[in-house]
Amino acid sequence: MQKEAISIEILGSNLSTLTLQRSHISALINKEITTYLYDVTSPTLLYKDKKLPELLIFLLDDSTVDALNQLTALPSSMRPALLVIAQDNDKQLMRLAMQAGARDFFAHPVDSQELHKSLIQTIFDLRRGQSQQGILTTVINAKGGSGGSFIACNLAHLTSVVSDSSVVLMDLDLQFGTQSLNLDVKPRHNIVETLNDVAKLDFEGLDGYMTRHESGLRLLSTEHDHLTLTNEISIENLDQLLTLSISSYNRFFVDLPRHIDSVSVTILERSDQIVIVIQQSLAHMRDAKRLIGILRSEFNIAAQNIFIVINRYNSDGSLKIKDVQDTLDCQNVLTVPNDYETVAQSTNLGIPLYSYARNAPITKSIMSLIESLNVTVKDEFKEKGFFQKLFRSKNK
């Protein structure tokens, strides 16, 4: 599930100023902000009967100094993140703000751009500390045409369906991306727009650039009407997008083309898990071995975080699972059976496997794969054992 919104409040002693500032800042960051009117005629203990917000915007003047001193008296672990807007650039007010642990100090007239930047960064830091970071899983072909995009799409879709995770699929095939077609969705925004605007985005803003599938899966799609080259992508912006995304969502899947360039290096360096898709041929084995060598030597990817998927697997083929494990020196080897008809229909209709043929062996193989990737599957989607099925049938 997506992480909860940060609670934001603005405190001041003048109602009209408080209301005006709340409206301005709320519009500036597109978030709901509550108000706290500090009564200077009858000052009481701050937040005595009310929970502290996570972020407090403090309108500081002579009338609210006592309120700021009350915040300063709290243990640092109990204080909210604090941004102070003072009536002027008075050094005494600035000193008091710093003693209270203020992250930033602004004096009238306030630069809206600087205030926006500070607020977004503070919210970002708070959200990043709310819970564990999301998991970035990259899917890449060892050799072109192995079926990596199909595997990535169905991994992300099935994870969204059978778990409580918030899931994003990013299509990084900048020239020939197909994930919007695989999901039969029409994106209003694309990854290039998102990267260009990422410096202005927070968590809720980023979600607006995603295309939502009916399953709950979010897609960052490529731009179909324009040819985008990798050298047009800002690596700094891409890295910022990854940081923002894995701080916002539980699982982040990347469909990565088989190229080693600045874009793929950025993705691979940040990946927690890498799924390499191959087929049963010596050519695929050769390229997979080389790719694994690069991942281990250049990116220091641990062996346990590399997964090999043999797509279109035929148990009668000359290359067996044991052969792949030994040749590639990788024990995480899984198979997806050959089912051309089901895959073709699923792809042509833009309906993911689980929705098109949920009981097919190929769909069950994707379920096995997401479990190997440590996705927590909800009980109702887990395969029932023999005795569970027997018990259930007797009680019908």
Protein backbone atom coordinates (compact mmCIF):
# COMPACT_ATOMS: atom_id res chain seq x y z
CA MET A 1 0.00 0.00 0.00
CA GLN A 2 1.13 3.54 -0.65
CA LYS A 3 2.61 5.41 2.27
CA GLU A 4 0.38 7.82 4.17
CA ALA A 5 0.35 11.58 3.61
CA ILE A 6 2.46 13.77 5.87
CA SER A 7 0.45 15.86 8.37
CA ILE A 8 1.23 19.56 7.92
CA GLU A 9 0.10 22.44 10.14
CA ILE A 10 0.76 26.18 10.20
CA LEU A 11 0.84 28.07 13.51
CA GLY A 12 0.39 31.78 14.09
CA SER A 13 -1.28 34.31 16.34
CA ASN A 14 -3.07 36.49 13.77
CA LEU A 15 -6.09 34.79 12.19
CA SER A 16 -6.12 36.74 8.91
CA THR A 17 -2.37 36.27 8.38
CA LEU A 18 -2.64 32.61 9.34
CA THR A 19 -5.49 32.01 6.88
CA LEU A 20 -3.72 33.88 4.09
CA GLN A 21 -0.45 32.02 4.57
CA ARG A 22 -2.21 28.65 4.81
CA SER A 23 -3.96 29.25 1.47
CA HIS A 24 -0.75 30.42 -0.19
CA ILE A 25 1.42 27.53 1.02
CA SER A 26 -1.30 24.93 0.43
CA ALA A 27 -1.56 26.06 -3.20
CA LEU A 28 2.23 26.21 -3.48
CA ILE A 29 2.73 22.53 -2.60
CA ASN A 30 -0.76 21.25 -3.52
CA LYS A 31 -1.38 19.75 -0.06
CA GLU A 32 -3.94 20.06 2.68
CA ILE A 33 -2.66 22.17 5.62
CA THR A 34 -4.40 22.61 8.95
CA THR A 35 -4.11 25.74 11.12
CA TYR A 36 -3.27 26.32 14.78
CA LEU A 37 -4.31 29.75 16.10
CA TYR A 38 -2.12 30.60 19.08
CA ASP A 39 -4.12 32.68 21.57
CA VAL A 40 -1.72 35.27 23.01
CA THR A 41 -4.34 36.54 25.49
CA SER A 42 -4.60 33.12 27.13
CA PRO A 43 -1.49 31.12 26.23
CA THR A 44 -1.70 27.46 27.13
CA LEU A 45 0.57 24.50 26.67
CA LEU A 46 1.01 23.82 22.97
CA TYR A 47 -0.68 20.66 21.68
CA LYS A 48 -1.76 19.64 25.17
CA ASP A 49 -4.89 17.89 23.86
CA LYS A 50 -3.83 17.53 20.25
CA LYS A 51 -1.32 15.40 18.37
CA LEU A 52 1.72 17.21 17.01
CA PRO A 53 1.89 17.41 13.22
CA GLU A 54 4.81 15.85 11.38
CA LEU A 55 5.65 19.20 9.77
CA LEU A 56 4.98 22.54 11.49
CA ILE A 57 5.22 25.84 9.63
CA PHE A 58 5.74 28.45 12.38
CA LEU A 59 4.84 32.11 11.82
CA LEU A 60 7.27 33.75 14.23
CA ASP A 61 6.95 37.23 15.69
CA ASP A 62 7.14 38.72 19.19
CA SER A 63 3.68 37.33 20.05
CA THR A 64 4.61 33.70 19.31
CA VAL A 65 8.06 33.57 20.91
CA ASP A 66 6.60 31.85 23.99
CA ALA A 67 5.05 29.15 21.79
CA LEU A 68 8.41 28.56 20.10
CA ASN A 69 10.10 28.27 23.50
CA GLN A 70 7.57 25.56 24.43
CA LEU A 71 8.61 23.58 21.33
CA THR A 72 12.27 24.04 22.23
CA ALA A 73 11.58 22.56 25.68
CA LEU A 74 10.32 19.32 24.15
CA PRO A 75 12.80 16.44 23.69
CA SER A 76 14.23 16.65 20.16
CA SER A 77 12.70 13.26 19.31
CA MET A 78 9.21 14.64 19.99
CA ARG A 79 9.50 17.85 18.00
CA PRO A 80 7.95 18.07 14.54
CA ALA A 81 9.98 19.05 11.53
CA LEU A 82 10.00 22.84 11.80
CA LEU A 83 10.07 25.59 9.17
CA VAL A 84 10.02 29.14 10.51
CA ILE A 85 8.70 32.22 8.70
CA ALA A 86 9.63 35.33 10.71
CA GLN A 87 8.27 38.86 10.52
CA ASP A 88 11.76 40.15 9.76
CA ASN A 89 15.40 39.07 9.62
CA ASP A 90 15.96 39.66 13.33
CA LYS A 91 19.03 37.81 14.61
CA GLN A 92 17.38 37.02 17.95
CA LEU A 93 14.39 35.39 16.20
CA MET A 94 16.76 33.43 13.98
CA ARG A 95 18.69 32.21 17.04
CA LEU A 96 15.47 31.07 18.74
CA ALA A 97 14.43 29.24 15.60
CA MET A 98 17.73 27.38 15.42
CA GLN A 99 17.47 26.43 19.10
CA ALA A 100 14.05 24.92 18.37
CA GLY A 101 15.63 22.79 15.65
CA ALA A 102 14.21 24.63 12.64
CA ARG A 103 15.21 23.10 9.33
CA ASP A 104 14.90 26.42 7.56
CA PHE A 105 14.35 30.08 8.40
CA PHE A 106 12.61 32.61 6.14
CA ALA A 107 12.03 36.31 6.69
CA HIS A 108 9.47 38.52 4.97
CA PRO A 109 9.26 39.00 2.08
CA VAL A 110 9.52 35.24 1.46
CA ASP A 111 10.81 33.90 -1.85
CA SER A 112 8.06 31.46 -2.90
CA GLN A 113 10.44 29.37 -4.99
CA GLU A 114 12.85 28.90 -2.09
CA LEU A 115 10.00 28.13 0.30
CA HIS A 116 8.59 25.56 -2.12
CA LYS A 117 11.99 23.90 -2.48
CA SER A 118 12.47 23.71 1.29
CA LEU A 119 8.98 22.31 1.91
CA ILE A 120 9.31 19.64 -0.78
CA GLN A 121 12.71 18.55 0.54
CA THR A 122 11.42 18.38 4.11
CA ILE A 123 8.38 16.32 3.09
CA PHE A 124 10.67 14.07 1.05
CA ASP A 125 12.95 13.50 4.06
CA LEU A 126 9.98 12.76 6.32
CA ARG A 127 8.46 10.28 3.87
CA ARG A 128 11.79 8.55 3.37
CA GLY A 129 12.00 7.98 7.10
CA GLN A 130 8.42 6.72 7.47
CA SER A 131 9.18 3.12 6.59
CA GLN A 132 11.54 0.85 4.75
CA GLN A 133 12.56 1.74 1.24
CA GLY A 134 10.84 0.01 -1.66
CA ILE A 135 12.54 -2.77 -3.61
CA LEU A 136 13.83 -2.05 -7.11
CA THR A 137 13.72 -5.10 -9.41
CA THR A 138 15.22 -4.82 -12.88
CA VAL A 139 14.29 -7.21 -15.69
CA ILE A 140 16.71 -7.46 -18.61
CA ASN A 141 17.19 -9.83 -21.57
CA ALA A 142 20.46 -11.69 -21.88
CA LYS A 143 19.84 -11.68 -25.61
CA GLY A 144 17.34 -9.71 -27.67
CA GLY A 145 13.90 -11.27 -28.07
CA SER A 146 14.07 -13.43 -24.95
CA GLY A 147 10.76 -12.09 -23.61
CA GLY A 148 12.00 -9.76 -20.90
CA SER A 149 9.30 -7.11 -21.43
CA PHE A 150 6.56 -9.73 -21.22
CA ILE A 151 8.06 -11.15 -18.02
CA ALA A 152 8.48 -7.65 -16.49
CA CYS A 153 4.87 -6.71 -17.26
CA ASN A 154 3.40 -9.86 -15.75
CA LEU A 155 5.71 -9.78 -12.72
CA ALA A 156 4.57 -6.25 -11.93
CA HIS A 157 0.89 -6.94 -12.67
CA LEU A 158 0.72 -10.12 -10.62
CA THR A 159 2.56 -8.48 -7.70
CA SER A 160 -0.04 -5.70 -7.74
CA VAL A 161 -2.90 -8.24 -7.75
CA VAL A 162 -1.76 -10.78 -5.14
CA SER A 163 0.01 -8.55 -2.60
CA ASP A 164 -0.72 -5.44 -0.57
CA SER A 165 2.25 -3.68 -2.15
CA SER A 166 2.03 -0.46 -4.14
CA VAL A 167 3.65 -1.38 -7.45
CA VAL A 168 5.18 0.63 -10.30
CA LEU A 169 6.40 -0.62 -13.69
CA MET A 170 8.82 1.67 -15.54
CA ASP A 171 9.31 1.06 -19.26
CA LEU A 172 12.83 2.20 -20.13
CA ASP A 173 12.81 1.00 -23.72
CA LEU A 174 12.89 4.60 -24.93
CA GLN A 175 12.47 3.84 -28.63
CA PHE A 176 10.26 0.75 -28.77
CA GLY A 177 8.56 0.44 -25.38
CA THR A 178 5.44 -1.74 -25.39
CA GLN A 179 4.24 -1.83 -21.79
CA SER A 180 1.28 0.50 -22.35
CA LEU A 181 0.15 -1.88 -25.11
CA ASN A 182 0.70 -4.94 -22.92
CA LEU A 183 -1.61 -3.37 -20.32
CA ASP A 184 -3.99 -1.75 -22.83
CA VAL A 185 -3.74 1.70 -21.24
CA LYS A 186 -3.34 5.14 -22.80
CA PRO A 187 -0.82 7.21 -20.82
CA ARG A 188 -1.48 10.92 -20.41
CA HIS A 189 2.14 11.47 -19.36
CA ASN A 190 5.41 9.74 -20.18
CA ILE A 191 8.74 9.11 -18.54
CA VAL A 192 10.45 12.00 -20.36
CA GLU A 193 7.93 14.49 -18.92
CA THR A 194 8.36 12.95 -15.49
CA LEU A 195 12.15 13.24 -15.64
CA ASN A 196 11.95 16.85 -16.82
CA ASP A 197 9.64 17.79 -13.94
CA VAL A 198 11.05 15.55 -11.19
CA ALA A 199 12.72 18.42 -9.31
CA LYS A 200 9.26 19.94 -8.73
CA LEU A 201 7.57 16.69 -7.72
CA ASP A 202 6.82 15.19 -4.35
CA PHE A 203 5.16 11.84 -3.70
CA GLU A 204 1.61 12.84 -4.56
CA GLY A 205 2.81 14.83 -7.55
CA LEU A 206 4.74 11.85 -8.89
CA ASP A 207 1.63 9.67 -8.63
CA GLY A 208 -0.14 12.06 -10.98
CA TYR A 209 2.36 11.23 -13.72
CA MET A 210 1.65 7.51 -13.42
CA THR A 211 -0.88 5.69 -15.59
CA ARG A 212 -3.12 3.51 -13.44
CA HIS A 213 -4.13 0.03 -14.59
CA GLU A 214 -7.39 -1.46 -13.27
CA SER A 215 -5.32 -3.84 -11.11
CA GLY A 216 -3.80 -0.89 -9.23
CA LEU A 217 -0.48 -1.22 -11.04
CA ARG A 218 1.11 2.12 -11.93
CA LEU A 219 2.97 2.55 -15.22
CA LEU A 220 5.67 5.04 -16.21
CA SER A 221 5.48 4.74 -19.96
CA THR A 222 7.77 5.68 -22.81
CA GLU A 223 6.98 8.44 -25.29
CA HIS A 224 5.49 6.83 -28.40
CA ASP A 225 5.24 9.92 -30.60
CA HIS A 226 8.87 11.00 -30.27
CA LEU A 227 12.19 9.19 -30.65
CA THR A 228 14.09 9.63 -27.40
CA LEU A 229 17.82 8.92 -27.23
CA THR A 230 19.57 7.89 -24.05
CA ASN A 231 21.86 10.93 -24.20
CA GLU A 232 18.75 13.12 -23.87
CA ILE A 233 18.08 11.64 -20.42
CA SER A 234 19.48 13.54 -17.45
CA ILE A 235 21.21 10.99 -15.23
CA GLU A 236 20.87 13.32 -12.25
CA ASN A 237 17.10 13.52 -12.83
CA LEU A 238 16.86 9.75 -13.32
CA ASP A 239 18.65 9.13 -10.05
CA GLN A 240 16.35 11.60 -8.32
CA LEU A 241 13.31 9.85 -9.83
CA LEU A 242 14.51 6.48 -8.56
CA THR A 243 15.07 7.87 -5.06
CA LEU A 244 11.63 9.45 -5.01
CA SER A 245 9.95 6.31 -6.39
CA ILE A 246 11.44 3.75 -4.03
CA SER A 247 10.61 6.07 -1.15
CA SER A 248 6.98 6.24 -2.31
CA TYR A 249 6.18 2.70 -3.46
CA ASN A 250 6.83 -0.78 -2.11
CA ARG A 251 7.87 -2.50 -5.35
CA PHE A 252 9.41 -0.81 -8.38
CA PHE A 253 9.97 -2.91 -11.52
CA VAL A 254 12.08 -1.68 -14.43
CA ASP A 255 11.88 -3.11 -17.95
CA LEU A 256 15.47 -2.40 -19.03
CA PRO A 257 16.72 -2.86 -22.62
CA ARG A 258 19.92 -4.82 -23.18
CA HIS A 259 22.35 -1.92 -23.45
CA ILE A 260 25.20 -0.84 -21.22
CA ASP A 261 25.05 2.94 -21.20
CA SER A 262 24.67 5.74 -18.66
CA VAL A 263 20.95 5.04 -18.20
CA SER A 264 21.28 1.28 -17.67
CA VAL A 265 24.31 1.77 -15.40
CA THR A 266 22.25 4.09 -13.17
CA ILE A 267 19.43 1.54 -12.98
CA LEU A 268 21.67 -1.47 -12.37
CA GLU A 269 23.64 0.30 -9.65
CA ARG A 270 20.41 1.05 -7.77
CA SER A 271 18.80 -2.39 -8.26
CA ASP A 272 18.09 -4.68 -5.33
CA GLN A 273 17.23 -7.62 -7.60
CA ILE A 274 18.12 -8.32 -11.23
CA VAL A 275 16.12 -10.80 -13.30
CA ILE A 276 17.94 -11.99 -16.44
CA VAL A 277 15.70 -13.60 -19.05
CA ILE A 278 17.21 -16.27 -21.31
CA GLN A 279 16.12 -19.12 -23.56
CA GLN A 280 17.49 -22.62 -24.04
CA SER A 281 20.32 -22.00 -26.46
CA LEU A 282 24.09 -21.71 -26.31
CA ALA A 283 23.92 -18.15 -27.67
CA HIS A 284 21.70 -17.09 -24.76
CA MET A 285 23.97 -18.86 -22.27
CA ARG A 286 27.04 -17.12 -23.68
CA ASP A 287 25.50 -13.65 -23.44
CA ALA A 288 24.03 -14.37 -20.00
CA LYS A 289 27.41 -15.45 -18.69
CA ARG A 290 28.99 -12.26 -19.95
CA LEU A 291 26.21 -10.11 -18.48
CA ILE A 292 26.48 -11.81 -15.08
CA GLY A 293 30.23 -11.26 -15.15
CA ILE A 294 29.68 -7.54 -15.72
CA LEU A 295 27.09 -7.33 -12.93
CA ARG A 296 29.38 -9.00 -10.43
CA SER A 297 32.66 -7.35 -11.37
CA GLU A 298 31.53 -3.84 -12.33
CA PHE A 299 28.43 -3.36 -10.15
CA ASN A 300 29.25 -5.67 -7.23
CA ILE A 301 25.82 -7.33 -7.46
CA ALA A 302 25.67 -10.25 -5.01
CA ALA A 303 24.97 -13.68 -6.48
CA GLN A 304 21.82 -14.11 -4.37
CA ASN A 305 20.30 -11.00 -5.94
CA ILE A 306 20.61 -12.30 -9.52
CA PHE A 307 17.78 -14.45 -10.86
CA ILE A 308 17.82 -16.37 -14.13
CA VAL A 309 14.48 -17.01 -15.86
CA ILE A 310 14.50 -19.59 -18.66
CA ASN A 311 11.62 -18.38 -20.81
CA ARG A 312 9.74 -20.78 -23.15
CA TYR A 313 11.29 -23.66 -21.25
CA ASN A 314 10.97 -27.15 -22.72
CA SER A 315 11.82 -30.00 -20.35
CA ASP A 316 12.87 -32.08 -23.36
CA GLY A 317 15.42 -29.51 -24.44
CA SER A 318 19.13 -30.24 -24.42
CA LEU A 319 19.91 -27.59 -21.78
CA LYS A 320 18.57 -28.54 -18.36
CA ILE A 321 18.19 -26.37 -15.26
CA LYS A 322 21.30 -27.97 -13.71
CA ASP A 323 23.31 -27.08 -16.83
CA VAL A 324 22.23 -23.44 -16.53
CA GLN A 325 23.05 -23.30 -12.81
CA ASP A 326 26.51 -24.77 -13.34
CA THR A 327 27.41 -22.76 -16.44
CA LEU A 328 26.23 -19.42 -15.07
CA ASP A 329 27.28 -20.14 -11.49
CA CYS A 330 23.83 -19.05 -10.34
CA GLN A 331 21.48 -21.11 -8.18
CA ASN A 332 18.43 -18.83 -8.60
CA VAL A 333 17.14 -20.41 -11.81
CA LEU A 334 13.42 -20.51 -12.57
CA THR A 335 11.46 -21.53 -15.63
CA VAL A 336 8.51 -20.19 -17.58
CA PRO A 337 6.98 -22.89 -19.82
CA ASN A 338 6.48 -22.49 -23.54
CA ASP A 339 2.85 -21.51 -24.24
CA TYR A 340 2.86 -19.59 -27.49
CA GLU A 341 -0.91 -19.45 -27.93
CA THR A 342 -1.65 -18.05 -24.47
CA VAL A 343 1.17 -15.51 -24.64
CA ALA A 344 0.18 -14.35 -28.13
CA GLN A 345 -3.46 -13.84 -27.17
CA SER A 346 -2.57 -12.13 -23.89
CA THR A 347 -0.21 -9.74 -25.68
CA ASN A 348 -2.52 -9.04 -28.63
CA LEU A 349 -5.46 -8.25 -26.35
CA GLY A 350 -3.43 -6.24 -23.84
CA ILE A 351 -4.63 -8.49 -21.01
CA PRO A 352 -1.98 -9.70 -18.50
CA LEU A 353 -1.66 -13.45 -17.94
CA TYR A 354 -3.41 -13.54 -14.58
CA SER A 355 -6.50 -11.85 -16.02
CA TYR A 356 -6.44 -13.87 -19.25
CA ALA A 357 -5.51 -17.38 -18.05
CA ARG A 358 -5.00 -17.39 -14.29
CA ASN A 359 -4.91 -21.19 -13.97
CA ALA A 360 -2.52 -21.81 -16.85
CA PRO A 361 0.90 -23.32 -15.99
CA ILE A 362 2.62 -20.23 -17.41
CA THR A 363 0.71 -17.98 -15.00
CA LYS A 364 1.59 -20.23 -12.06
CA SER A 365 5.25 -20.01 -13.06
CA ILE A 366 5.06 -16.20 -12.77
CA MET A 367 3.57 -16.67 -9.30
CA SER A 368 6.53 -18.87 -8.35
CA LEU A 369 8.86 -16.18 -9.62
CA ILE A 370 7.33 -13.37 -7.55
CA GLU A 371 7.51 -15.57 -4.46
CA SER A 372 11.21 -16.15 -5.20
CA LEU A 373 11.57 -12.35 -5.32
CA ASN A 374 10.24 -12.21 -1.75
CA VAL A 375 6.89 -10.67 -2.63
CA THR A 376 4.49 -11.30 0.27
CA VAL A 377 1.47 -13.01 -1.30
CA LYS A 378 -1.90 -12.65 0.42
CA ASP A 379 -3.29 -15.90 1.82
CA GLU A 380 -6.21 -16.10 -0.59
CA PHE A 381 -3.80 -16.28 -3.53
CA LYS A 382 -1.48 -18.93 -2.14
CA GLU A 383 -1.54 -22.40 -3.67
CA LYS A 384 -3.47 -24.73 -1.38
CA GLY A 385 -1.79 -27.92 -0.25
CA PHE A 386 -3.34 -31.37 -0.72
CA PHE A 387 -4.78 -31.62 2.81
CA GLN A 388 -6.13 -28.06 2.66
CA LYS A 389 -7.92 -28.85 -0.59
CA LEU A 390 -9.26 -32.13 0.85
CA PHE A 391 -10.52 -30.43 4.00
CA ARG A 392 -12.15 -27.67 1.96
CA SER A 393 -13.91 -30.14 -0.37
CA LYS A 394 -15.32 -32.14 2.59
CA ASN A 395 -16.78 -29.00 4.10
CA LYS A 396 -18.54 -27.81 0.99
